[in-house]
Amino acid sequence: MTEARPFHVLVEVDRARFQARLSDVEAWLSDWQIDAEIGSVLGDIGQLRVRFADERAAHAFQRCHGGRAIPAEEIETAKFADAIDEDLYERLAREYPD
């Protein structure tokens, strides 16, 4: 199955400007009517992961907002690790029901 938005850009954002930066990105995507999805992790260093359906849109976003393109193999590695974690959580839930 092919991912609907296979082109990912990761933008580092400091905590103090996280909400403002997120709003700027959302407005830019809306203004340009770009098919994208935003995932965010605040933590100590805020990160916005923006997933695009179109490679040209991802490139335009990078030129305007910075960030780094995430290589497809890095995405696949992360998905594989997530699947392993999910399997572990499911096994533990079966072994230790509430």
PDB file of N, CA and C in Angstrom:
ATOM      1  N   MET A   1       0.835  -1.182   0.000  1.00  0.00           N
ATOM      2  CA  MET A   1       0.000   0.000   0.000  1.00  0.00           C
ATOM      3  C   MET A   1       0.880   1.246   0.000  1.00  0.00           C
ATOM      4  N   THR A   2       0.603   2.151  -0.878  1.00  0.00           N
ATOM      5  CA  THR A   2       1.372   3.385  -0.989  1.00  0.00           C
ATOM      6  C   THR A   2       0.833   4.425  -0.020  1.00  0.00           C
ATOM      7  N   GLU A   3       1.741   5.099   0.660  1.00  0.00           N
ATOM      8  CA  GLU A   3       1.345   6.143   1.602  1.00  0.00           C
ATOM      9  C   GLU A   3       0.773   7.332   0.840  1.00  0.00           C
ATOM     10  N   ALA A   4      -0.299   7.918   1.360  1.00  0.00           N
ATOM     11  CA  ALA A   4      -0.966   9.047   0.698  1.00  0.00           C
ATOM     12  C   ALA A   4      -0.097  10.298   0.684  1.00  0.00           C
ATOM     13  N   ARG A   5       0.729  10.481   1.699  1.00  0.00           N
ATOM     14  CA  ARG A   5       1.602  11.655   1.800  1.00  0.00           C
ATOM     15  C   ARG A   5       3.021  11.190   2.101  1.00  0.00           C
ATOM     16  N   PRO A   6       3.744  10.743   1.077  1.00  0.00           N
ATOM     17  CA  PRO A   6       5.059  10.122   1.301  1.00  0.00           C
ATOM     18  C   PRO A   6       6.230  11.088   1.461  1.00  0.00           C
ATOM     19  N   PHE A   7       6.023  12.392   1.256  1.00  0.00           N
ATOM     20  CA  PHE A   7       7.131  13.349   1.317  1.00  0.00           C
ATOM     21  C   PHE A   7       7.065  14.107   2.644  1.00  0.00           C
ATOM     22  N   HIS A   8       8.047  13.860   3.510  1.00  0.00           N
ATOM     23  CA  HIS A   8       8.032  14.419   4.861  1.00  0.00           C
ATOM     24  C   HIS A   8       9.123  15.471   5.021  1.00  0.00           C
ATOM     25  N   VAL A   9       8.778  16.540   5.740  1.00  0.00           N
ATOM     26  CA  VAL A   9       9.736  17.585   6.095  1.00  0.00           C
ATOM     27  C   VAL A   9       9.651  17.774   7.606  1.00  0.00           C
ATOM     28  N   LEU A  10      10.807  17.774   8.269  1.00  0.00           N
ATOM     29  CA  LEU A  10      10.872  17.955   9.714  1.00  0.00           C
ATOM     30  C   LEU A  10      11.447  19.332  10.013  1.00  0.00           C
ATOM     31  N   VAL A  11      10.701  20.131  10.789  1.00  0.00           N
ATOM     32  CA  VAL A  11      11.113  21.486  11.144  1.00  0.00           C
ATOM     33  C   VAL A  11      11.300  21.554  12.659  1.00  0.00           C
ATOM     34  N   GLU A  12      12.477  21.989  13.091  1.00  0.00           N
ATOM     35  CA  GLU A  12      12.748  22.192  14.517  1.00  0.00           C
ATOM     36  C   GLU A  12      12.203  23.562  14.923  1.00  0.00           C
ATOM     37  N   VAL A  13      11.502  23.626  16.070  1.00  0.00           N
ATOM     38  CA  VAL A  13      10.906  24.870  16.542  1.00  0.00           C
ATOM     39  C   VAL A  13      11.150  24.981  18.045  1.00  0.00           C
ATOM     40  N   ASP A  14      11.614  26.147  18.498  1.00  0.00           N
ATOM     41  CA  ASP A  14      11.828  26.297  19.935  1.00  0.00           C
ATOM     42  C   ASP A  14      10.487  26.397  20.661  1.00  0.00           C
ATOM     43  N   ARG A  15      10.499  26.028  21.934  1.00  0.00           N
ATOM     44  CA  ARG A  15       9.271  25.966  22.738  1.00  0.00           C
ATOM     45  C   ARG A  15       8.522  27.298  22.776  1.00  0.00           C
ATOM     46  N   ALA A  16       9.257  28.379  22.897  1.00  0.00           N
ATOM     47  CA  ALA A  16       8.627  29.697  23.048  1.00  0.00           C
ATOM     48  C   ALA A  16       7.808  30.095  21.818  1.00  0.00           C
ATOM     49  N   ARG A  17       8.230  29.646  20.639  1.00  0.00           N
ATOM     50  CA  ARG A  17       7.547  30.032  19.394  1.00  0.00           C
ATOM     51  C   ARG A  17       6.736  28.899  18.775  1.00  0.00           C
ATOM     52  N   PHE A  18       6.582  27.807  19.490  1.00  0.00           N
ATOM     53  CA  PHE A  18       5.957  26.625  18.898  1.00  0.00           C
ATOM     54  C   PHE A  18       4.561  26.915  18.355  1.00  0.00           C
ATOM     55  N   GLN A  19       3.664  27.460  19.193  1.00  0.00           N
ATOM     56  CA  GLN A  19       2.288  27.718  18.753  1.00  0.00           C
ATOM     57  C   GLN A  19       2.233  28.702  17.594  1.00  0.00           C
ATOM     58  N   ALA A  20       3.033  29.765  17.674  1.00  0.00           N
ATOM     59  CA  ALA A  20       3.046  30.759  16.595  1.00  0.00           C
ATOM     60  C   ALA A  20       3.538  30.129  15.293  1.00  0.00           C
ATOM     61  N   ARG A  21       4.572  29.329  15.389  1.00  0.00           N
ATOM     62  CA  ARG A  21       5.128  28.687  14.181  1.00  0.00           C
ATOM     63  C   ARG A  21       4.140  27.695  13.590  1.00  0.00           C
ATOM     64  N   LEU A  22       3.479  26.927  14.455  1.00  0.00           N
ATOM     65  CA  LEU A  22       2.467  25.987  13.997  1.00  0.00           C
ATOM     66  C   LEU A  22       1.344  26.730  13.265  1.00  0.00           C
ATOM     67  N   SER A  23       0.910  27.844  13.815  1.00  0.00           N
ATOM     68  CA  SER A  23      -0.143  28.647  13.167  1.00  0.00           C
ATOM     69  C   SER A  23       0.318  29.179  11.817  1.00  0.00           C
ATOM     70  N   ASP A  24       1.573  29.624  11.734  1.00  0.00           N
ATOM     71  CA  ASP A  24       2.124  30.116  10.460  1.00  0.00           C
ATOM     72  C   ASP A  24       2.117  29.019   9.400  1.00  0.00           C
ATOM     73  N   VAL A  25       2.544  27.831   9.789  1.00  0.00           N
ATOM     74  CA  VAL A  25       2.594  26.705   8.844  1.00  0.00           C
ATOM     75  C   VAL A  25       1.184  26.344   8.391  1.00  0.00           C
ATOM     76  N   GLU A  26       0.251  26.257   9.327  1.00  0.00           N
ATOM     77  CA  GLU A  26      -1.131  25.934   8.970  1.00  0.00           C
ATOM     78  C   GLU A  26      -1.705  26.966   8.007  1.00  0.00           C
ATOM     79  N   ALA A  27      -1.443  28.242   8.255  1.00  0.00           N
ATOM     80  CA  ALA A  27      -1.949  29.304   7.379  1.00  0.00           C
ATOM     81  C   ALA A  27      -1.334  29.198   5.985  1.00  0.00           C
ATOM     82  N   TRP A  28      -0.030  28.935   5.912  1.00  0.00           N
ATOM     83  CA  TRP A  28       0.654  28.817   4.620  1.00  0.00           C
ATOM     84  C   TRP A  28       0.064  27.662   3.814  1.00  0.00           C
ATOM     85  N   LEU A  29      -0.131  26.520   4.461  1.00  0.00           N
ATOM     86  CA  LEU A  29      -0.707  25.360   3.772  1.00  0.00           C
ATOM     87  C   LEU A  29      -2.116  25.661   3.279  1.00  0.00           C
ATOM     88  N   SER A  30      -2.890  26.339   4.107  1.00  0.00           N
ATOM     89  CA  SER A  30      -4.254  26.692   3.732  1.00  0.00           C
ATOM     90  C   SER A  30      -4.282  27.701   2.582  1.00  0.00           C
ATOM     91  N   ASP A  31      -3.455  28.747   2.676  1.00  0.00           N
ATOM     92  CA  ASP A  31      -3.409  29.770   1.628  1.00  0.00           C
ATOM     93  C   ASP A  31      -3.077  29.171   0.266  1.00  0.00           C
ATOM     94  N   TRP A  32      -2.144  28.225   0.263  1.00  0.00           N
ATOM     95  CA  TRP A  32      -1.700  27.620  -0.990  1.00  0.00           C
ATOM     96  C   TRP A  32      -2.502  26.376  -1.345  1.00  0.00           C
ATOM     97  N   GLN A  33      -3.463  26.002  -0.510  1.00  0.00           N
ATOM     98  CA  GLN A  33      -4.327  24.837  -0.736  1.00  0.00           C
ATOM     99  C   GLN A  33      -3.502  23.585  -1.030  1.00  0.00           C
ATOM    100  N   ILE A  34      -2.549  23.331  -0.142  1.00  0.00           N
ATOM    101  CA  ILE A  34      -1.636  22.205  -0.318  1.00  0.00           C
ATOM    102  C   ILE A  34      -2.137  21.011   0.479  1.00  0.00           C
ATOM    103  N   ASP A  35      -2.144  19.850  -0.168  1.00  0.00           N
ATOM    104  CA  ASP A  35      -2.535  18.598   0.471  1.00  0.00           C
ATOM    105  C   ASP A  35      -1.392  18.164   1.381  1.00  0.00           C
ATOM    106  N   ALA A  36      -1.549  18.434   2.673  1.00  0.00           N
ATOM    107  CA  ALA A  36      -0.510  18.105   3.647  1.00  0.00           C
ATOM    108  C   ALA A  36      -1.154  17.814   4.985  1.00  0.00           C
ATOM    109  N   GLU A  37      -0.354  17.212   5.840  1.00  0.00           N
ATOM    110  CA  GLU A  37      -0.809  16.856   7.177  1.00  0.00           C
ATOM    111  C   GLU A  37       0.324  17.205   8.136  1.00  0.00           C
ATOM    112  N   ILE A  38      -0.016  17.780   9.280  1.00  0.00           N
ATOM    113  CA  ILE A  38       1.006  18.181  10.247  1.00  0.00           C
ATOM    114  C   ILE A  38       0.944  17.266  11.452  1.00  0.00           C
ATOM    115  N   GLY A  39       2.108  16.772  11.835  1.00  0.00           N
ATOM    116  CA  GLY A  39       2.251  16.038  13.081  1.00  0.00           C
ATOM    117  C   GLY A  39       3.243  16.821  13.921  1.00  0.00           C
ATOM    118  N   SER A  40       3.029  16.912  15.208  1.00  0.00           N
ATOM    119  CA  SER A  40       3.929  17.715  16.018  1.00  0.00           C
ATOM    120  C   SER A  40       4.285  16.997  17.306  1.00  0.00           C
ATOM    121  N   VAL A  41       5.486  17.283  17.781  1.00  0.00           N
ATOM    122  CA  VAL A  41       5.955  16.794  19.067  1.00  0.00           C
ATOM    123  C   VAL A  41       6.607  17.986  19.743  1.00  0.00           C
ATOM    124  N   LEU A  42       6.094  18.389  20.879  1.00  0.00           N
ATOM    125  CA  LEU A  42       6.657  19.565  21.531  1.00  0.00           C
ATOM    126  C   LEU A  42       7.919  19.195  22.294  1.00  0.00           C
ATOM    127  N   GLY A  43       7.833  18.376  23.320  1.00  0.00           N
ATOM    128  CA  GLY A  43       8.997  17.955  24.083  1.00  0.00           C
ATOM    129  C   GLY A  43       9.906  19.109  24.455  1.00  0.00           C
ATOM    130  N   ASP A  44      11.189  18.838  24.643  1.00  0.00           N
ATOM    131  CA  ASP A  44      12.169  19.885  24.942  1.00  0.00           C
ATOM    132  C   ASP A  44      12.448  20.726  23.710  1.00  0.00           C
ATOM    133  N   ILE A  45      12.505  20.079  22.575  1.00  0.00           N
ATOM    134  CA  ILE A  45      12.700  20.771  21.299  1.00  0.00           C
ATOM    135  C   ILE A  45      11.468  20.458  20.461  1.00  0.00           C
ATOM    136  N   GLY A  46      10.734  21.477  20.098  1.00  0.00           N
ATOM    137  CA  GLY A  46       9.546  21.246  19.296  1.00  0.00           C
ATOM    138  C   GLY A  46       9.910  20.802  17.894  1.00  0.00           C
ATOM    139  N   GLN A  47       9.138  19.905  17.380  1.00  0.00           N
ATOM    140  CA  GLN A  47       9.329  19.453  16.009  1.00  0.00           C
ATOM    141  C   GLN A  47       7.975  19.403  15.314  1.00  0.00           C
ATOM    142  N   LEU A  48       7.957  19.909  14.112  1.00  0.00           N
ATOM    143  CA  LEU A  48       6.789  19.780  13.252  1.00  0.00           C
ATOM    144  C   LEU A  48       7.171  18.835  12.130  1.00  0.00           C
ATOM    145  N   ARG A  49       6.396  17.794  11.950  1.00  0.00           N
ATOM    146  CA  ARG A  49       6.590  16.903  10.808  1.00  0.00           C
ATOM    147  C   ARG A  49       5.428  17.169   9.871  1.00  0.00           C
ATOM    148  N   VAL A  50       5.746  17.643   8.689  1.00  0.00           N
ATOM    149  CA  VAL A  50       4.716  17.960   7.709  1.00  0.00           C
ATOM    150  C   VAL A  50       4.836  16.939   6.583  1.00  0.00           C
ATOM    151  N   ARG A  51       3.718  16.270   6.290  1.00  0.00           N
ATOM    152  CA  ARG A  51       3.689  15.213   5.281  1.00  0.00           C
ATOM    153  C   ARG A  51       2.913  15.716   4.067  1.00  0.00           C
ATOM    154  N   PHE A  52       3.530  15.578   2.912  1.00  0.00           N
ATOM    155  CA  PHE A  52       2.966  16.108   1.665  1.00  0.00           C
ATOM    156  C   PHE A  52       2.651  14.995   0.683  1.00  0.00           C
ATOM    157  N   ALA A  53       1.619  15.223  -0.123  1.00  0.00           N
ATOM    158  CA  ALA A  53       1.282  14.303  -1.203  1.00  0.00           C
ATOM    159  C   ALA A  53       2.166  14.563  -2.428  1.00  0.00           C
ATOM    160  N   ASP A  54       2.634  15.799  -2.558  1.00  0.00           N
ATOM    161  CA  ASP A  54       3.379  16.209  -3.750  1.00  0.00           C
ATOM    162  C   ASP A  54       4.805  16.632  -3.383  1.00  0.00           C
ATOM    163  N   GLU A  55       5.778  16.099  -4.074  1.00  0.00           N
ATOM    164  CA  GLU A  55       7.184  16.412  -3.795  1.00  0.00           C
ATOM    165  C   GLU A  55       7.493  17.890  -4.027  1.00  0.00           C
ATOM    166  N   ARG A  56       6.897  18.492  -5.050  1.00  0.00           N
ATOM    167  CA  ARG A  56       7.142  19.913  -5.316  1.00  0.00           C
ATOM    168  C   ARG A  56       6.615  20.791  -4.186  1.00  0.00           C
ATOM    169  N   ALA A  57       5.487  20.408  -3.614  1.00  0.00           N
ATOM    170  CA  ALA A  57       4.938  21.159  -2.478  1.00  0.00           C
ATOM    171  C   ALA A  57       5.864  21.051  -1.267  1.00  0.00           C
ATOM    172  N   ALA A  58       6.430  19.871  -1.050  1.00  0.00           N
ATOM    173  CA  ALA A  58       7.381  19.680   0.059  1.00  0.00           C
ATOM    174  C   ALA A  58       8.603  20.563  -0.143  1.00  0.00           C
ATOM    175  N   HIS A  59       9.087  20.629  -1.368  1.00  0.00           N
ATOM    176  CA  HIS A  59      10.254  21.460  -1.670  1.00  0.00           C
ATOM    177  C   HIS A  59       9.924  22.952  -1.469  1.00  0.00           C
ATOM    178  N   ALA A  60       8.753  23.376  -1.930  1.00  0.00           N
ATOM    179  CA  ALA A  60       8.342  24.778  -1.756  1.00  0.00           C
ATOM    180  C   ALA A  60       8.215  25.112  -0.267  1.00  0.00           C
ATOM    181  N   PHE A  61       7.683  24.183   0.495  1.00  0.00           N
ATOM    182  CA  PHE A  61       7.560  24.387   1.938  1.00  0.00           C
ATOM    183  C   PHE A  61       8.945  24.570   2.571  1.00  0.00           C
ATOM    184  N   GLN A  62       9.880  23.725   2.197  1.00  0.00           N
ATOM    185  CA  GLN A  62      11.243  23.835   2.726  1.00  0.00           C
ATOM    186  C   GLN A  62      11.859  25.188   2.402  1.00  0.00           C
ATOM    187  N   ARG A  63      11.661  25.657   1.191  1.00  0.00           N
ATOM    188  CA  ARG A  63      12.222  26.950   0.803  1.00  0.00           C
ATOM    189  C   ARG A  63      11.634  28.090   1.625  1.00  0.00           C
ATOM    190  N   CYS A  64      10.366  27.958   1.995  1.00  0.00           N
ATOM    191  CA  CYS A  64       9.690  29.019   2.736  1.00  0.00           C
ATOM    192  C   CYS A  64       9.868  28.887   4.255  1.00  0.00           C
ATOM    193  N   HIS A  65       9.840  27.670   4.769  1.00  0.00           N
ATOM    194  CA  HIS A  65       9.823  27.450   6.213  1.00  0.00           C
ATOM    195  C   HIS A  65      11.049  26.717   6.755  1.00  0.00           C
ATOM    196  N   GLY A  66      11.944  26.298   5.885  1.00  0.00           N
ATOM    197  CA  GLY A  66      13.123  25.571   6.346  1.00  0.00           C
ATOM    198  C   GLY A  66      12.797  24.118   6.633  1.00  0.00           C
ATOM    199  N   GLY A  67      13.624  23.516   7.457  1.00  0.00           N
ATOM    200  CA  GLY A  67      13.435  22.111   7.794  1.00  0.00           C
ATOM    201  C   GLY A  67      14.262  21.223   6.893  1.00  0.00           C
ATOM    202  N   ARG A  68      14.168  19.933   7.159  1.00  0.00           N
ATOM    203  CA  ARG A  68      14.908  18.980   6.336  1.00  0.00           C
ATOM    204  C   ARG A  68      13.969  17.896   5.831  1.00  0.00           C
ATOM    205  N   ALA A  69      14.212  17.498   4.595  1.00  0.00           N
ATOM    206  CA  ALA A  69      13.436  16.413   4.007  1.00  0.00           C
ATOM    207  C   ALA A  69      13.858  15.114   4.688  1.00  0.00           C
ATOM    208  N   ILE A  70      12.897  14.274   4.991  1.00  0.00           N
ATOM    209  CA  ILE A  70      13.170  12.988   5.615  1.00  0.00           C
ATOM    210  C   ILE A  70      13.238  11.943   4.498  1.00  0.00           C
ATOM    211  N   PRO A  71      14.395  11.263   4.376  1.00  0.00           N
ATOM    212  CA  PRO A  71      14.518  10.245   3.334  1.00  0.00           C
ATOM    213  C   PRO A  71      13.516   9.104   3.542  1.00  0.00           C
ATOM    214  N   ALA A  72      13.049   8.529   2.444  1.00  0.00           N
ATOM    215  CA  ALA A  72      12.048   7.456   2.496  1.00  0.00           C
ATOM    216  C   ALA A  72      12.513   6.292   3.361  1.00  0.00           C
ATOM    217  N   GLU A  73      13.814   5.951   3.297  1.00  0.00           N
ATOM    218  CA  GLU A  73      14.290   4.814   4.093  1.00  0.00           C
ATOM    219  C   GLU A  73      14.230   5.108   5.595  1.00  0.00           C
ATOM    220  N   GLU A  74      14.411   6.370   5.988  1.00  0.00           N
ATOM    221  CA  GLU A  74      14.287   6.740   7.401  1.00  0.00           C
ATOM    222  C   GLU A  74      12.838   6.600   7.861  1.00  0.00           C
ATOM    223  N   ILE A  75      11.915   6.947   6.996  1.00  0.00           N
ATOM    224  CA  ILE A  75      10.488   6.818   7.311  1.00  0.00           C
ATOM    225  C   ILE A  75      10.133   5.347   7.469  1.00  0.00           C
ATOM    226  N   GLU A  76      10.600   4.513   6.552  1.00  0.00           N
ATOM    227  CA  GLU A  76      10.320   3.076   6.614  1.00  0.00           C
ATOM    228  C   GLU A  76      10.915   2.449   7.865  1.00  0.00           C
ATOM    229  N   THR A  77      12.119   2.851   8.245  1.00  0.00           N
ATOM    230  CA  THR A  77      12.755   2.336   9.456  1.00  0.00           C
ATOM    231  C   THR A  77      11.925   2.699  10.680  1.00  0.00           C
ATOM    232  N   ALA A  78      11.449   3.935  10.735  1.00  0.00           N
ATOM    233  CA  ALA A  78      10.619   4.376  11.860  1.00  0.00           C
ATOM    234  C   ALA A  78       9.302   3.604  11.908  1.00  0.00           C
ATOM    235  N   LYS A  79       8.690   3.364  10.756  1.00  0.00           N
ATOM    236  CA  LYS A  79       7.444   2.604  10.714  1.00  0.00           C
ATOM    237  C   LYS A  79       7.662   1.176  11.187  1.00  0.00           C
ATOM    238  N   PHE A  80       8.789   0.583  10.797  1.00  0.00           N
ATOM    239  CA  PHE A  80       9.118  -0.777  11.207  1.00  0.00           C
ATOM    240  C   PHE A  80       9.293  -0.833  12.721  1.00  0.00           C
ATOM    241  N   ALA A  81      10.016   0.151  13.281  1.00  0.00           N
ATOM    242  CA  ALA A  81      10.211   0.215  14.738  1.00  0.00           C
ATOM    243  C   ALA A  81       8.875   0.404  15.449  1.00  0.00           C
ATOM    244  N   ASP A  82       8.006   1.236  14.887  1.00  0.00           N
ATOM    245  CA  ASP A  82       6.674   1.439  15.480  1.00  0.00           C
ATOM    246  C   ASP A  82       5.874   0.139  15.489  1.00  0.00           C
ATOM    247  N   ALA A  83       5.948  -0.614  14.406  1.00  0.00           N
ATOM    248  CA  ALA A  83       5.219  -1.878  14.317  1.00  0.00           C
ATOM    249  C   ALA A  83       5.731  -2.866  15.367  1.00  0.00           C
ATOM    250  N   ILE A  84       7.031  -2.906  15.576  1.00  0.00           N
ATOM    251  CA  ILE A  84       7.608  -3.787  16.595  1.00  0.00           C
ATOM    252  C   ILE A  84       7.113  -3.371  17.981  1.00  0.00           C
ATOM    253  N   ASP A  85       7.113  -2.060  18.246  1.00  0.00           N
ATOM    254  CA  ASP A  85       6.617  -1.562  19.534  1.00  0.00           C
ATOM    255  C   ASP A  85       5.148  -1.921  19.731  1.00  0.00           C
ATOM    256  N   GLU A  86       4.340  -1.748  18.706  1.00  0.00           N
ATOM    257  CA  GLU A  86       2.917  -2.071  18.796  1.00  0.00           C
ATOM    258  C   GLU A  86       2.717  -3.553  19.105  1.00  0.00           C
ATOM    259  N   ASP A  87       3.493  -4.409  18.446  1.00  0.00           N
ATOM    260  CA  ASP A  87       3.400  -5.846  18.710  1.00  0.00           C
ATOM    261  C   ASP A  87       3.731  -6.154  20.166  1.00  0.00           C
ATOM    262  N   LEU A  88       4.769  -5.509  20.685  1.00  0.00           N
ATOM    263  CA  LEU A  88       5.144  -5.705  22.085  1.00  0.00           C
ATOM    264  C   LEU A  88       4.021  -5.251  23.011  1.00  0.00           C
ATOM    265  N   TYR A  89       3.455  -4.074  22.771  1.00  0.00           N
ATOM    266  CA  TYR A  89       2.376  -3.559  23.617  1.00  0.00           C
ATOM    267  C   TYR A  89       1.161  -4.495  23.586  1.00  0.00           C
ATOM    268  N   GLU A  90       0.834  -5.020  22.422  1.00  0.00           N
ATOM    269  CA  GLU A  90      -0.298  -5.938  22.307  1.00  0.00           C
ATOM    270  C   GLU A  90      -0.029  -7.231  23.069  1.00  0.00           C
ATOM    271  N   ARG A  91       1.188  -7.756  22.964  1.00  0.00           N
ATOM    272  CA  ARG A  91       1.554  -8.978  23.675  1.00  0.00           C
ATOM    273  C   ARG A  91       1.472  -8.751  25.182  1.00  0.00           C
ATOM    274  N   LEU A  92       2.008  -7.623  25.655  1.00  0.00           N
ATOM    275  CA  LEU A  92       1.961  -7.316  27.086  1.00  0.00           C
ATOM    276  C   LEU A  92       0.522  -7.136  27.571  1.00  0.00           C
ATOM    277  N   ALA A  93      -0.325  -6.536  26.743  1.00  0.00           N
ATOM    278  CA  ALA A  93      -1.725  -6.349  27.118  1.00  0.00           C
ATOM    279  C   ALA A  93      -2.437  -7.698  27.250  1.00  0.00           C
ATOM    280  N   ARG A  94      -2.078  -8.650  26.399  1.00  0.00           N
ATOM    281  CA  ARG A  94      -2.669  -9.996  26.506  1.00  0.00           C
ATOM    282  C   ARG A  94      -2.161 -10.718  27.749  1.00  0.00           C
ATOM    283  N   GLU A  95      -0.878 -10.571  28.043  1.00  0.00           N
ATOM    284  CA  GLU A  95      -0.269 -11.253  29.182  1.00  0.00           C
ATOM    285  C   GLU A  95      -0.699 -10.659  30.513  1.00  0.00           C
ATOM    286  N   TYR A  96      -0.936  -9.340  30.537  1.00  0.00           N
ATOM    287  CA  TYR A  96      -1.289  -8.650  31.771  1.00  0.00           C
ATOM    288  C   TYR A  96      -2.580  -7.860  31.587  1.00  0.00           C
ATOM    289  N   PRO A  97      -3.710  -8.564  31.446  1.00  0.00           N
ATOM    290  CA  PRO A  97      -4.977  -7.850  31.261  1.00  0.00           C
ATOM    291  C   PRO A  97      -5.344  -7.076  32.519  1.00  0.00           C
ATOM    292  N   ASP A  98      -6.175  -6.074  32.346  1.00  0.00           N
ATOM    293  CA  ASP A  98      -6.621  -5.250  33.493  1.00  0.00           C
ATOM    294  C   ASP A  98      -7.439  -6.037  34.464  1.00  0.00           C
TER     295      ASP A  98
END
